[in-house]
Amino acid sequence: MAKQKRHSATFKSQVVLEMLKEEKTVSQIAAEYGIHPSQLHRWKRQALENFPQLFTESQALQQQAQAHQQQLTELYAEIGKLTTQVEWLKKKSGLDPDPR
């Protein structure tokens, strides 16, 4: 039994782009790359179905970005708090070479 070839997403997108240009027939492209025409049609259909998603930002991605921003704000606040505490401890212990 022959093992199926695995093609990268980049390769598939290049082949589909070539199909969309319509400079060659599907049969010519299939012969050039050694891929069955029905497989090429599946890749093209899949690409066209998912094409609108390229231009929309998903709700999950927006929530993730918002959570990341909130975490970043919290971390900066913690850094400020700890910096203040370290400075206070240096000042009180007499280890601060540059007292203000």
PDB file of N, CA and C in Angstrom:
ATOM      1  N   MET A   1       0.842  -1.174   0.000  1.00  0.00           N
ATOM      2  CA  MET A   1       0.000   0.000   0.000  1.00  0.00           C
ATOM      3  C   MET A   1       0.891   1.243   0.000  1.00  0.00           C
ATOM      4  N   ALA A   2       0.604   2.173  -0.882  1.00  0.00           N
ATOM      5  CA  ALA A   2       1.403   3.399  -1.006  1.00  0.00           C
ATOM      6  C   ALA A   2       1.086   4.354   0.136  1.00  0.00           C
ATOM      7  N   LYS A   3       2.133   4.984   0.621  1.00  0.00           N
ATOM      8  CA  LYS A   3       1.967   5.957   1.697  1.00  0.00           C
ATOM      9  C   LYS A   3       1.530   7.292   1.098  1.00  0.00           C
ATOM     10  N   GLN A   4       0.566   7.951   1.753  1.00  0.00           N
ATOM     11  CA  GLN A   4       0.085   9.239   1.255  1.00  0.00           C
ATOM     12  C   GLN A   4       1.135  10.316   1.450  1.00  0.00           C
ATOM     13  N   LYS A   5       1.224  11.190   0.461  1.00  0.00           N
ATOM     14  CA  LYS A   5       2.137  12.320   0.571  1.00  0.00           C
ATOM     15  C   LYS A   5       1.507  13.381   1.467  1.00  0.00           C
ATOM     16  N   ARG A   6       2.318  13.992   2.281  1.00  0.00           N
ATOM     17  CA  ARG A   6       1.879  15.110   3.116  1.00  0.00           C
ATOM     18  C   ARG A   6       2.464  16.384   2.517  1.00  0.00           C
ATOM     19  N   HIS A   7       1.591  17.314   2.198  1.00  0.00           N
ATOM     20  CA  HIS A   7       2.036  18.579   1.624  1.00  0.00           C
ATOM     21  C   HIS A   7       1.869  19.676   2.668  1.00  0.00           C
ATOM     22  N   SER A   8       2.810  20.596   2.678  1.00  0.00           N
ATOM     23  CA  SER A   8       2.756  21.693   3.638  1.00  0.00           C
ATOM     24  C   SER A   8       1.649  22.673   3.244  1.00  0.00           C
ATOM     25  N   ALA A   9       1.239  23.464   4.220  1.00  0.00           N
ATOM     26  CA  ALA A   9       0.213  24.473   3.969  1.00  0.00           C
ATOM     27  C   ALA A   9       0.712  25.504   2.967  1.00  0.00           C
ATOM     28  N   THR A  10       2.005  25.806   3.022  1.00  0.00           N
ATOM     29  CA  THR A  10       2.583  26.765   2.084  1.00  0.00           C
ATOM     30  C   THR A  10       2.497  26.235   0.654  1.00  0.00           C
ATOM     31  N   PHE A  11       2.839  24.967   0.491  1.00  0.00           N
ATOM     32  CA  PHE A  11       2.771  24.359  -0.838  1.00  0.00           C
ATOM     33  C   PHE A  11       1.340  24.369  -1.364  1.00  0.00           C
ATOM     34  N   LYS A  12       0.401  23.972  -0.509  1.00  0.00           N
ATOM     35  CA  LYS A  12      -1.010  23.946  -0.920  1.00  0.00           C
ATOM     36  C   LYS A  12      -1.484  25.332  -1.333  1.00  0.00           C
ATOM     37  N   SER A  13      -1.106  26.348  -0.554  1.00  0.00           N
ATOM     38  CA  SER A  13      -1.562  27.698  -0.875  1.00  0.00           C
ATOM     39  C   SER A  13      -0.958  28.180  -2.193  1.00  0.00           C
ATOM     40  N   GLN A  14       0.291  27.799  -2.475  1.00  0.00           N
ATOM     41  CA  GLN A  14       0.912  28.185  -3.743  1.00  0.00           C
ATOM     42  C   GLN A  14       0.194  27.535  -4.924  1.00  0.00           C
ATOM     43  N   VAL A  15      -0.169  26.274  -4.760  1.00  0.00           N
ATOM     44  CA  VAL A  15      -0.854  25.558  -5.834  1.00  0.00           C
ATOM     45  C   VAL A  15      -2.246  26.155  -6.049  1.00  0.00           C
ATOM     46  N   VAL A  16      -2.955  26.432  -4.957  1.00  0.00           N
ATOM     47  CA  VAL A  16      -4.293  27.016  -5.074  1.00  0.00           C
ATOM     48  C   VAL A  16      -4.211  28.398  -5.709  1.00  0.00           C
ATOM     49  N   LEU A  17      -3.218  29.177  -5.329  1.00  0.00           N
ATOM     50  CA  LEU A  17      -3.037  30.497  -5.923  1.00  0.00           C
ATOM     51  C   LEU A  17      -2.811  30.381  -7.422  1.00  0.00           C
ATOM     52  N   GLU A  18      -2.046  29.397  -7.810  1.00  0.00           N
ATOM     53  CA  GLU A  18      -1.812  29.161  -9.240  1.00  0.00           C
ATOM     54  C   GLU A  18      -3.121  28.786  -9.940  1.00  0.00           C
ATOM     55  N   MET A  19      -3.958  28.018  -9.262  1.00  0.00           N
ATOM     56  CA  MET A  19      -5.258  27.655  -9.839  1.00  0.00           C
ATOM     57  C   MET A  19      -6.141  28.889  -9.987  1.00  0.00           C
ATOM     58  N   LEU A  20      -6.111  29.768  -8.997  1.00  0.00           N
ATOM     59  CA  LEU A  20      -6.958  30.961  -9.031  1.00  0.00           C
ATOM     60  C   LEU A  20      -6.526  31.945 -10.114  1.00  0.00           C
ATOM     61  N   LYS A  21      -5.253  31.937 -10.466  1.00  0.00           N
ATOM     62  CA  LYS A  21      -4.759  32.813 -11.539  1.00  0.00           C
ATOM     63  C   LYS A  21      -5.335  32.408 -12.891  1.00  0.00           C
ATOM     64  N   GLU A  22      -5.671  31.131 -13.026  1.00  0.00           N
ATOM     65  CA  GLU A  22      -6.258  30.558 -14.233  1.00  0.00           C
ATOM     66  C   GLU A  22      -5.382  30.731 -15.466  1.00  0.00           C
ATOM     67  N   GLU A  23      -4.066  30.721 -15.262  1.00  0.00           N
ATOM     68  CA  GLU A  23      -3.147  30.772 -16.392  1.00  0.00           C
ATOM     69  C   GLU A  23      -2.943  29.387 -16.997  1.00  0.00           C
ATOM     70  N   LYS A  24      -3.180  28.347 -16.200  1.00  0.00           N
ATOM     71  CA  LYS A  24      -3.070  26.960 -16.637  1.00  0.00           C
ATOM     72  C   LYS A  24      -4.356  26.250 -16.250  1.00  0.00           C
ATOM     73  N   THR A  25      -4.635  25.150 -16.936  1.00  0.00           N
ATOM     74  CA  THR A  25      -5.805  24.357 -16.573  1.00  0.00           C
ATOM     75  C   THR A  25      -5.484  23.526 -15.337  1.00  0.00           C
ATOM     76  N   VAL A  26      -6.531  23.050 -14.696  1.00  0.00           N
ATOM     77  CA  VAL A  26      -6.349  22.208 -13.516  1.00  0.00           C
ATOM     78  C   VAL A  26      -5.578  20.952 -13.890  1.00  0.00           C
ATOM     79  N   SER A  27      -5.836  20.418 -15.069  1.00  0.00           N
ATOM     80  CA  SER A  27      -5.121  19.220 -15.528  1.00  0.00           C
ATOM     81  C   SER A  27      -3.630  19.488 -15.687  1.00  0.00           C
ATOM     82  N   GLN A  28      -3.284  20.653 -16.204  1.00  0.00           N
ATOM     83  CA  GLN A  28      -1.874  20.998 -16.367  1.00  0.00           C
ATOM     84  C   GLN A  28      -1.188  21.133 -15.005  1.00  0.00           C
ATOM     85  N   ILE A  29      -1.857  21.790 -14.076  1.00  0.00           N
ATOM     86  CA  ILE A  29      -1.297  21.962 -12.738  1.00  0.00           C
ATOM     87  C   ILE A  29      -1.155  20.612 -12.046  1.00  0.00           C
ATOM     88  N   ALA A  30      -2.168  19.757 -12.199  1.00  0.00           N
ATOM     89  CA  ALA A  30      -2.133  18.429 -11.591  1.00  0.00           C
ATOM     90  C   ALA A  30      -0.961  17.619 -12.135  1.00  0.00           C
ATOM     91  N   ALA A  31      -0.753  17.676 -13.443  1.00  0.00           N
ATOM     92  CA  ALA A  31       0.352  16.938 -14.051  1.00  0.00           C
ATOM     93  C   ALA A  31       1.702  17.509 -13.615  1.00  0.00           C
ATOM     94  N   GLU A  32       1.780  18.827 -13.496  1.00  0.00           N
ATOM     95  CA  GLU A  32       3.029  19.477 -13.120  1.00  0.00           C
ATOM     96  C   GLU A  32       3.465  19.093 -11.702  1.00  0.00           C
ATOM     97  N   TYR A  33       2.507  19.020 -10.789  1.00  0.00           N
ATOM     98  CA  TYR A  33       2.833  18.734  -9.387  1.00  0.00           C
ATOM     99  C   TYR A  33       2.606  17.277  -8.993  1.00  0.00           C
ATOM    100  N   GLY A  34       2.026  16.486  -9.892  1.00  0.00           N
ATOM    101  CA  GLY A  34       1.784  15.078  -9.590  1.00  0.00           C
ATOM    102  C   GLY A  34       0.700  14.881  -8.540  1.00  0.00           C
ATOM    103  N   ILE A  35      -0.322  15.710  -8.600  1.00  0.00           N
ATOM    104  CA  ILE A  35      -1.427  15.648  -7.651  1.00  0.00           C
ATOM    105  C   ILE A  35      -2.711  15.460  -8.442  1.00  0.00           C
ATOM    106  N   HIS A  36      -3.594  14.626  -7.942  1.00  0.00           N
ATOM    107  CA  HIS A  36      -4.851  14.340  -8.637  1.00  0.00           C
ATOM    108  C   HIS A  36      -5.704  15.601  -8.699  1.00  0.00           C
ATOM    109  N   PRO A  37      -6.364  15.840  -9.838  1.00  0.00           N
ATOM    110  CA  PRO A  37      -7.199  17.044  -9.980  1.00  0.00           C
ATOM    111  C   PRO A  37      -8.292  17.180  -8.914  1.00  0.00           C
ATOM    112  N   SER A  38      -8.861  16.061  -8.490  1.00  0.00           N
ATOM    113  CA  SER A  38      -9.907  16.164  -7.467  1.00  0.00           C
ATOM    114  C   SER A  38      -9.325  16.677  -6.143  1.00  0.00           C
ATOM    115  N   GLN A  39      -8.072  16.329  -5.859  1.00  0.00           N
ATOM    116  CA  GLN A  39      -7.414  16.842  -4.655  1.00  0.00           C
ATOM    117  C   GLN A  39      -7.213  18.344  -4.773  1.00  0.00           C
ATOM    118  N   LEU A  40      -6.835  18.789  -5.960  1.00  0.00           N
ATOM    119  CA  LEU A  40      -6.654  20.224  -6.187  1.00  0.00           C
ATOM    120  C   LEU A  40      -7.965  20.979  -5.992  1.00  0.00           C
ATOM    121  N   HIS A  41      -9.047  20.401  -6.485  1.00  0.00           N
ATOM    122  CA  HIS A  41     -10.362  21.039  -6.314  1.00  0.00           C
ATOM    123  C   HIS A  41     -10.747  21.102  -4.833  1.00  0.00           C
ATOM    124  N   ARG A  42     -10.415  20.061  -4.053  1.00  0.00           N
ATOM    125  CA  ARG A  42     -10.689  20.085  -2.609  1.00  0.00           C
ATOM    126  C   ARG A  42      -9.900  21.194  -1.922  1.00  0.00           C
ATOM    127  N   TRP A  43      -8.627  21.322  -2.273  1.00  0.00           N
ATOM    128  CA  TRP A  43      -7.794  22.377  -1.682  1.00  0.00           C
ATOM    129  C   TRP A  43      -8.355  23.757  -2.024  1.00  0.00           C
ATOM    130  N   LYS A  44      -8.771  23.929  -3.273  1.00  0.00           N
ATOM    131  CA  LYS A  44      -9.322  25.217  -3.707  1.00  0.00           C
ATOM    132  C   LYS A  44     -10.612  25.525  -2.961  1.00  0.00           C
ATOM    133  N   ARG A  45     -11.500  24.540  -2.852  1.00  0.00           N
ATOM    134  CA  ARG A  45     -12.766  24.736  -2.139  1.00  0.00           C
ATOM    135  C   ARG A  45     -12.505  25.085  -0.673  1.00  0.00           C
ATOM    136  N   GLN A  46     -11.567  24.379  -0.060  1.00  0.00           N
ATOM    137  CA  GLN A  46     -11.224  24.638   1.342  1.00  0.00           C
ATOM    138  C   GLN A  46     -10.661  26.053   1.505  1.00  0.00           C
ATOM    139  N   ALA A  47      -9.823  26.464   0.579  1.00  0.00           N
ATOM    140  CA  ALA A  47      -9.231  27.807   0.647  1.00  0.00           C
ATOM    141  C   ALA A  47     -10.301  28.876   0.503  1.00  0.00           C
ATOM    142  N   LEU A  48     -11.204  28.694  -0.439  1.00  0.00           N
ATOM    143  CA  LEU A  48     -12.253  29.688  -0.652  1.00  0.00           C
ATOM    144  C   LEU A  48     -13.235  29.744   0.519  1.00  0.00           C
ATOM    145  N   GLU A  49     -13.495  28.611   1.154  1.00  0.00           N
ATOM    146  CA  GLU A  49     -14.393  28.593   2.312  1.00  0.00           C
ATOM    147  C   GLU A  49     -13.778  29.328   3.501  1.00  0.00           C
ATOM    148  N   ASN A  50     -12.463  29.215   3.658  1.00  0.00           N
ATOM    149  CA  ASN A  50     -11.783  29.826   4.797  1.00  0.00           C
ATOM    150  C   ASN A  50     -11.242  31.219   4.505  1.00  0.00           C
ATOM    151  N   PHE A  51     -11.361  31.664   3.285  1.00  0.00           N
ATOM    152  CA  PHE A  51     -10.808  32.948   2.892  1.00  0.00           C
ATOM    153  C   PHE A  51     -11.358  34.130   3.692  1.00  0.00           C
ATOM    154  N   PRO A  52     -12.668  34.216   3.949  1.00  0.00           N
ATOM    155  CA  PRO A  52     -13.193  35.361   4.709  1.00  0.00           C
ATOM    156  C   PRO A  52     -12.623  35.467   6.120  1.00  0.00           C
ATOM    157  N   GLN A  53     -12.210  34.368   6.697  1.00  0.00           N
ATOM    158  CA  GLN A  53     -11.661  34.385   8.050  1.00  0.00           C
ATOM    159  C   GLN A  53     -10.330  35.132   8.122  1.00  0.00           C
ATOM    160  N   LEU A  54      -9.666  35.297   7.001  1.00  0.00           N
ATOM    161  CA  LEU A  54      -8.394  36.019   6.988  1.00  0.00           C
ATOM    162  C   LEU A  54      -8.582  37.487   7.359  1.00  0.00           C
ATOM    163  N   PHE A  55      -9.772  38.007   7.123  1.00  0.00           N
ATOM    164  CA  PHE A  55     -10.010  39.427   7.313  1.00  0.00           C
ATOM    165  C   PHE A  55     -10.866  39.753   8.530  1.00  0.00           C
ATOM    166  N   THR A  56     -11.179  38.750   9.312  1.00  0.00           N
ATOM    167  CA  THR A  56     -11.958  39.001  10.518  1.00  0.00           C
ATOM    168  C   THR A  56     -11.157  38.548  11.726  1.00  0.00           C
ATOM    169  N   GLU A  57     -11.236  39.335  12.780  1.00  0.00           N
ATOM    170  CA  GLU A  57     -10.543  38.987  14.007  1.00  0.00           C
ATOM    171  C   GLU A  57     -11.526  38.205  14.881  1.00  0.00           C
ATOM    172  N   SER A  58     -11.137  37.038  15.289  1.00  0.00           N
ATOM    173  CA  SER A  58     -12.042  36.192  16.047  1.00  0.00           C
ATOM    174  C   SER A  58     -12.241  36.734  17.459  1.00  0.00           C
ATOM    175  N   GLN A  59     -13.366  36.390  18.031  1.00  0.00           N
ATOM    176  CA  GLN A  59     -13.703  36.804  19.395  1.00  0.00           C
ATOM    177  C   GLN A  59     -12.687  36.244  20.385  1.00  0.00           C
ATOM    178  N   ALA A  60     -12.266  35.024  20.185  1.00  0.00           N
ATOM    179  CA  ALA A  60     -11.287  34.401  21.089  1.00  0.00           C
ATOM    180  C   ALA A  60      -9.966  35.155  21.054  1.00  0.00           C
ATOM    181  N   LEU A  61      -9.553  35.588  19.888  1.00  0.00           N
ATOM    182  CA  LEU A  61      -8.306  36.328  19.765  1.00  0.00           C
ATOM    183  C   LEU A  61      -8.404  37.675  20.473  1.00  0.00           C
ATOM    184  N   GLN A  62      -9.555  38.326  20.367  1.00  0.00           N
ATOM    185  CA  GLN A  62      -9.763  39.602  21.062  1.00  0.00           C
ATOM    186  C   GLN A  62      -9.717  39.406  22.571  1.00  0.00           C
ATOM    187  N   GLN A  63     -10.346  38.347  23.074  1.00  0.00           N
ATOM    188  CA  GLN A  63     -10.343  38.073  24.505  1.00  0.00           C
ATOM    189  C   GLN A  63      -8.932  37.763  24.988  1.00  0.00           C
ATOM    190  N   GLN A  64      -8.192  37.027  24.202  1.00  0.00           N
ATOM    191  CA  GLN A  64      -6.822  36.689  24.566  1.00  0.00           C
ATOM    192  C   GLN A  64      -5.955  37.940  24.630  1.00  0.00           C
ATOM    193  N   ALA A  65      -6.113  38.844  23.680  1.00  0.00           N
ATOM    194  CA  ALA A  65      -5.342  40.086  23.673  1.00  0.00           C
ATOM    195  C   ALA A  65      -5.700  40.948  24.876  1.00  0.00           C
ATOM    196  N   GLN A  66      -6.978  40.985  25.221  1.00  0.00           N
ATOM    197  CA  GLN A  66      -7.422  41.770  26.374  1.00  0.00           C
ATOM    198  C   GLN A  66      -6.858  41.178  27.669  1.00  0.00           C
ATOM    199  N   ALA A  67      -6.880  39.865  27.806  1.00  0.00           N
ATOM    200  CA  ALA A  67      -6.336  39.213  28.997  1.00  0.00           C
ATOM    201  C   ALA A  67      -4.831  39.453  29.100  1.00  0.00           C
ATOM    202  N   HIS A  68      -4.150  39.413  27.974  1.00  0.00           N
ATOM    203  CA  HIS A  68      -2.705  39.665  27.952  1.00  0.00           C
ATOM    204  C   HIS A  68      -2.411  41.093  28.403  1.00  0.00           C
ATOM    205  N   GLN A  69      -3.189  42.039  27.914  1.00  0.00           N
ATOM    206  CA  GLN A  69      -2.982  43.440  28.286  1.00  0.00           C
ATOM    207  C   GLN A  69      -3.231  43.651  29.777  1.00  0.00           C
ATOM    208  N   GLN A  70      -4.262  43.003  30.313  1.00  0.00           N
ATOM    209  CA  GLN A  70      -4.568  43.112  31.740  1.00  0.00           C
ATOM    210  C   GLN A  70      -3.431  42.516  32.576  1.00  0.00           C
ATOM    211  N   GLN A  71      -2.924  41.375  32.168  1.00  0.00           N
ATOM    212  CA  GLN A  71      -1.820  40.741  32.884  1.00  0.00           C
ATOM    213  C   GLN A  71      -0.571  41.622  32.831  1.00  0.00           C
ATOM    214  N   LEU A  72      -0.315  42.232  31.699  1.00  0.00           N
ATOM    215  CA  LEU A  72       0.827  43.120  31.542  1.00  0.00           C
ATOM    216  C   LEU A  72       0.713  44.318  32.484  1.00  0.00           C
ATOM    217  N   THR A  73      -0.471  44.886  32.580  1.00  0.00           N
ATOM    218  CA  THR A  73      -0.702  46.015  33.486  1.00  0.00           C
ATOM    219  C   THR A  73      -0.461  45.604  34.932  1.00  0.00           C
ATOM    220  N   GLU A  74      -0.952  44.443  35.306  1.00  0.00           N
ATOM    221  CA  GLU A  74      -0.767  43.941  36.669  1.00  0.00           C
ATOM    222  C   GLU A  74       0.715  43.705  36.974  1.00  0.00           C
ATOM    223  N   LEU A  75       1.439  43.166  36.012  1.00  0.00           N
ATOM    224  CA  LEU A  75       2.870  42.907  36.221  1.00  0.00           C
ATOM    225  C   LEU A  75       3.662  44.202  36.367  1.00  0.00           C
ATOM    226  N   TYR A  76       3.335  45.195  35.559  1.00  0.00           N
ATOM    227  CA  TYR A  76       4.017  46.478  35.701  1.00  0.00           C
ATOM    228  C   TYR A  76       3.718  47.113  37.056  1.00  0.00           C
ATOM    229  N   ALA A  77       2.491  46.973  37.529  1.00  0.00           N
ATOM    230  CA  ALA A  77       2.148  47.496  38.856  1.00  0.00           C
ATOM    231  C   ALA A  77       2.958  46.776  39.931  1.00  0.00           C
ATOM    232  N   GLU A  78       3.095  45.473  39.807  1.00  0.00           N
ATOM    233  CA  GLU A  78       3.872  44.685  40.770  1.00  0.00           C
ATOM    234  C   GLU A  78       5.349  45.092  40.736  1.00  0.00           C
ATOM    235  N   ILE A  79       5.888  45.325  39.544  1.00  0.00           N
ATOM    236  CA  ILE A  79       7.279  45.773  39.420  1.00  0.00           C
ATOM    237  C   ILE A  79       7.461  47.110  40.130  1.00  0.00           C
ATOM    238  N   GLY A  80       6.543  48.029  39.933  1.00  0.00           N
ATOM    239  CA  GLY A  80       6.620  49.336  40.591  1.00  0.00           C
ATOM    240  C   GLY A  80       6.573  49.201  42.101  1.00  0.00           C
ATOM    241  N   LYS A  81       5.693  48.352  42.590  1.00  0.00           N
ATOM    242  CA  LYS A  81       5.558  48.136  44.033  1.00  0.00           C
ATOM    243  C   LYS A  81       6.852  47.549  44.609  1.00  0.00           C
ATOM    244  N   LEU A  82       7.389  46.543  43.960  1.00  0.00           N
ATOM    245  CA  LEU A  82       8.607  45.900  44.446  1.00  0.00           C
ATOM    246  C   LEU A  82       9.815  46.837  44.371  1.00  0.00           C
ATOM    247  N   THR A  83       9.891  47.638  43.338  1.00  0.00           N
ATOM    248  CA  THR A  83      10.979  48.608  43.214  1.00  0.00           C
ATOM    249  C   THR A  83      10.929  49.609  44.362  1.00  0.00           C
ATOM    250  N   THR A  84       9.731  50.054  44.667  1.00  0.00           N
ATOM    251  CA  THR A  84       9.564  50.991  45.784  1.00  0.00           C
ATOM    252  C   THR A  84       9.978  50.346  47.098  1.00  0.00           C
ATOM    253  N   GLN A  85       9.606  49.100  47.299  1.00  0.00           N
ATOM    254  CA  GLN A  85       9.965  48.391  48.529  1.00  0.00           C
ATOM    255  C   GLN A  85      11.479  48.215  48.639  1.00  0.00           C
ATOM    256  N   VAL A  86      12.142  47.879  47.556  1.00  0.00           N
ATOM    257  CA  VAL A  86      13.589  47.696  47.567  1.00  0.00           C
ATOM    258  C   VAL A  86      14.281  49.013  47.882  1.00  0.00           C
ATOM    259  N   GLU A  87      13.840  50.068  47.260  1.00  0.00           N
ATOM    260  CA  GLU A  87      14.424  51.379  47.526  1.00  0.00           C
ATOM    261  C   GLU A  87      14.246  51.767  48.990  1.00  0.00           C
ATOM    262  N   TRP A  88      13.079  51.518  49.564  1.00  0.00           N
ATOM    263  CA  TRP A  88      12.802  51.833  50.956  1.00  0.00           C
ATOM    264  C   TRP A  88      13.712  51.025  51.881  1.00  0.00           C
ATOM    265  N   LEU A  89      13.865  49.722  51.566  1.00  0.00           N
ATOM    266  CA  LEU A  89      14.732  48.869  52.385  1.00  0.00           C
ATOM    267  C   LEU A  89      16.195  49.311  52.307  1.00  0.00           C
ATOM    268  N   LYS A  90      16.656  49.689  51.119  1.00  0.00           N
ATOM    269  CA  LYS A  90      18.025  50.181  50.983  1.00  0.00           C
ATOM    270  C   LYS A  90      18.229  51.433  51.829  1.00  0.00           C
ATOM    271  N   LYS A  91      17.261  52.314  51.779  1.00  0.00           N
ATOM    272  CA  LYS A  91      17.363  53.572  52.506  1.00  0.00           C
ATOM    273  C   LYS A  91      17.389  53.331  54.017  1.00  0.00           C
ATOM    274  N   LYS A  92      16.533  52.442  54.504  1.00  0.00           N
ATOM    275  CA  LYS A  92      16.434  52.165  55.931  1.00  0.00           C
ATOM    276  C   LYS A  92      17.634  51.380  56.454  1.00  0.00           C
ATOM    277  N   SER A  93      18.228  50.543  55.610  1.00  0.00           N
ATOM    278  CA  SER A  93      19.351  49.715  56.064  1.00  0.00           C
ATOM    279  C   SER A  93      20.687  50.441  55.974  1.00  0.00           C
ATOM    280  N   GLY A  94      20.701  51.556  55.301  1.00  0.00           N
ATOM    281  CA  GLY A  94      21.938  52.307  55.151  1.00  0.00           C
ATOM    282  C   GLY A  94      22.823  51.787  54.040  1.00  0.00           C
ATOM    283  N   LEU A  95      22.321  50.891  53.196  1.00  0.00           N
ATOM    284  CA  LEU A  95      23.114  50.336  52.105  1.00  0.00           C
ATOM    285  C   LEU A  95      23.029  51.180  50.837  1.00  0.00           C
ATOM    286  N   ASP A  96      22.166  52.168  50.839  1.00  0.00           N
ATOM    287  CA  ASP A  96      22.002  52.993  49.661  1.00  0.00           C
ATOM    288  C   ASP A  96      23.163  53.970  49.555  1.00  0.00           C
ATOM    289  N   PRO A  97      24.013  53.838  48.527  1.00  0.00           N
ATOM    290  CA  PRO A  97      25.174  54.721  48.404  1.00  0.00           C
ATOM    291  C   PRO A  97      24.797  56.149  48.014  1.00  0.00           C
ATOM    292  N   ASP A  98      23.595  56.334  47.491  1.00  0.00           N
ATOM    293  CA  ASP A  98      23.173  57.649  47.028  1.00  0.00           C
ATOM    294  C   ASP A  98      21.887  58.055  47.737  1.00  0.00           C
ATOM    295  N   PRO A  99      21.952  58.414  49.055  1.00  0.00           N
ATOM    296  CA  PRO A  99      20.728  58.807  49.755  1.00  0.00           C
ATOM    297  C   PRO A  99      20.215  60.134  49.211  1.00  0.00           C
ATOM    298  N   ARG A 100      18.940  60.224  49.099  1.00  0.00           N
ATOM    299  CA  ARG A 100      18.335  61.441  48.528  1.00  0.00           C
ATOM    300  C   ARG A 100      17.728  62.291  49.585  1.00  0.00           C
TER     301      ARG A 100
END
